[in-house]
Amino acid sequence: VVELRVGLHCDECIKKILKAIKKIEDIETYNVDTKLNKVIVTGNVTNDEVIRVLQKIGKQATTWESD
């Protein structure tokens, strides 16, 4: 399970993020928590893979633990 903190400002941002995450191979489920600015991805993926995909679309993502 990958949990990342991502700036979710508007519906367009969320749509972009979901579209990008969908393209990652080996994911089982993904979810966005708009209240917590949190993206949750389950499957055979690493934090780095998801962060890289989000950075490609211009989103800053950090691991949930690094507070």
C-alpha atoms as a PDB file:
ATOM      1  CA  VAL A   1       0.000   0.000   0.000  1.00  0.00           C
ATOM      2  CA  VAL A   2       1.344   3.401  -1.004  1.00  0.00           C
ATOM      3  CA  GLU A   3       0.014   6.447   0.834  1.00  0.00           C
ATOM      4  CA  LEU A   4       1.104   9.854  -0.400  1.00  0.00           C
ATOM      5  CA  ARG A   5       0.377  13.449   0.526  1.00  0.00           C
ATOM      6  CA  VAL A   6      -0.544  15.382  -2.623  1.00  0.00           C
ATOM      7  CA  GLY A   7      -1.963  18.856  -3.094  1.00  0.00           C
ATOM      8  CA  LEU A   8      -5.552  18.332  -4.230  1.00  0.00           C
ATOM      9  CA  HIS A   9      -6.788  21.808  -5.064  1.00  0.00           C
ATOM     10  CA  CYS A  10      -9.671  21.271  -7.435  1.00  0.00           C
ATOM     11  CA  ASP A  11     -11.652  18.655  -9.327  1.00  0.00           C
ATOM     12  CA  GLU A  12      -9.363  19.068 -12.348  1.00  0.00           C
ATOM     13  CA  CYS A  13      -6.310  18.184 -10.216  1.00  0.00           C
ATOM     14  CA  ILE A  14      -8.052  15.108  -8.884  1.00  0.00           C
ATOM     15  CA  LYS A  15      -9.092  13.983 -12.373  1.00  0.00           C
ATOM     16  CA  LYS A  16      -5.514  14.407 -13.623  1.00  0.00           C
ATOM     17  CA  ILE A  17      -4.119  12.435 -10.689  1.00  0.00           C
ATOM     18  CA  LEU A  18      -6.595   9.577 -11.068  1.00  0.00           C
ATOM     19  CA  LYS A  19      -5.965   9.391 -14.804  1.00  0.00           C
ATOM     20  CA  ALA A  20      -2.200   9.197 -14.228  1.00  0.00           C
ATOM     21  CA  ILE A  21      -2.488   6.597 -11.461  1.00  0.00           C
ATOM     22  CA  LYS A  22      -4.751   4.384 -13.588  1.00  0.00           C
ATOM     23  CA  LYS A  23      -1.906   3.936 -16.073  1.00  0.00           C
ATOM     24  CA  ILE A  24       0.475   2.412 -13.507  1.00  0.00           C
ATOM     25  CA  GLU A  25       0.907  -1.332 -13.972  1.00  0.00           C
ATOM     26  CA  ASP A  26       0.131  -3.824 -11.204  1.00  0.00           C
ATOM     27  CA  ILE A  27      -2.200  -1.627  -9.176  1.00  0.00           C
ATOM     28  CA  GLU A  28      -5.268  -3.163  -7.583  1.00  0.00           C
ATOM     29  CA  THR A  29      -7.112  -0.197  -6.122  1.00  0.00           C
ATOM     30  CA  TYR A  30      -6.589   3.526  -5.784  1.00  0.00           C
ATOM     31  CA  ASN A  31      -8.394   6.178  -3.832  1.00  0.00           C
ATOM     32  CA  VAL A  32      -8.178   9.904  -3.187  1.00  0.00           C
ATOM     33  CA  ASP A  33      -9.060  11.438   0.165  1.00  0.00           C
ATOM     34  CA  THR A  34      -9.700  15.101  -0.574  1.00  0.00           C
ATOM     35  CA  LYS A  35     -10.070  16.056   3.096  1.00  0.00           C
ATOM     36  CA  LEU A  36      -6.618  14.746   3.984  1.00  0.00           C
ATOM     37  CA  ASN A  37      -4.947  15.530   0.608  1.00  0.00           C
ATOM     38  CA  LYS A  38      -4.069  11.847   0.493  1.00  0.00           C
ATOM     39  CA  VAL A  39      -3.675   9.447  -2.418  1.00  0.00           C
ATOM     40  CA  ILE A  40      -3.827   5.737  -1.564  1.00  0.00           C
ATOM     41  CA  VAL A  41      -2.703   3.104  -4.069  1.00  0.00           C
ATOM     42  CA  THR A  42      -2.687  -0.636  -3.389  1.00  0.00           C
ATOM     43  CA  GLY A  43      -0.971  -3.236  -5.510  1.00  0.00           C
ATOM     44  CA  ASN A  44       2.534  -4.161  -6.530  1.00  0.00           C
ATOM     45  CA  VAL A  45       3.913  -0.598  -6.646  1.00  0.00           C
ATOM     46  CA  THR A  46       6.466   1.420  -4.716  1.00  0.00           C
ATOM     47  CA  ASN A  47       6.246   4.946  -3.309  1.00  0.00           C
ATOM     48  CA  ASP A  48       8.848   6.053  -5.855  1.00  0.00           C
ATOM     49  CA  GLU A  49       6.855   4.736  -8.813  1.00  0.00           C
ATOM     50  CA  VAL A  50       3.727   6.626  -7.808  1.00  0.00           C
ATOM     51  CA  ILE A  51       5.662   9.794  -6.916  1.00  0.00           C
ATOM     52  CA  ARG A  52       7.384   9.716 -10.324  1.00  0.00           C
ATOM     53  CA  VAL A  53       4.045   9.405 -12.140  1.00  0.00           C
ATOM     54  CA  LEU A  54       2.605  12.322 -10.163  1.00  0.00           C
ATOM     55  CA  GLN A  55       5.679  14.467 -10.767  1.00  0.00           C
ATOM     56  CA  LYS A  56       5.304  13.897 -14.513  1.00  0.00           C
ATOM     57  CA  ILE A  57       1.937  15.664 -14.373  1.00  0.00           C
ATOM     58  CA  GLY A  58       3.363  18.459 -12.228  1.00  0.00           C
ATOM     59  CA  LYS A  59       2.181  17.309  -8.792  1.00  0.00           C
ATOM     60  CA  GLN A  60       4.373  17.384  -5.703  1.00  0.00           C
ATOM     61  CA  ALA A  61       3.947  14.172  -3.734  1.00  0.00           C
ATOM     62  CA  THR A  62       5.547  13.190  -0.453  1.00  0.00           C
ATOM     63  CA  THR A  63       5.301  10.019   1.566  1.00  0.00           C
ATOM     64  CA  TRP A  64       2.618  10.125   4.227  1.00  0.00           C
ATOM     65  CA  GLU A  65       5.024   9.292   7.101  1.00  0.00           C
ATOM     66  CA  SER A  66       7.411  12.211   6.457  1.00  0.00           C
ATOM     67  CA  ASP A  67       5.700  14.821   8.588  1.00  0.00           C
END
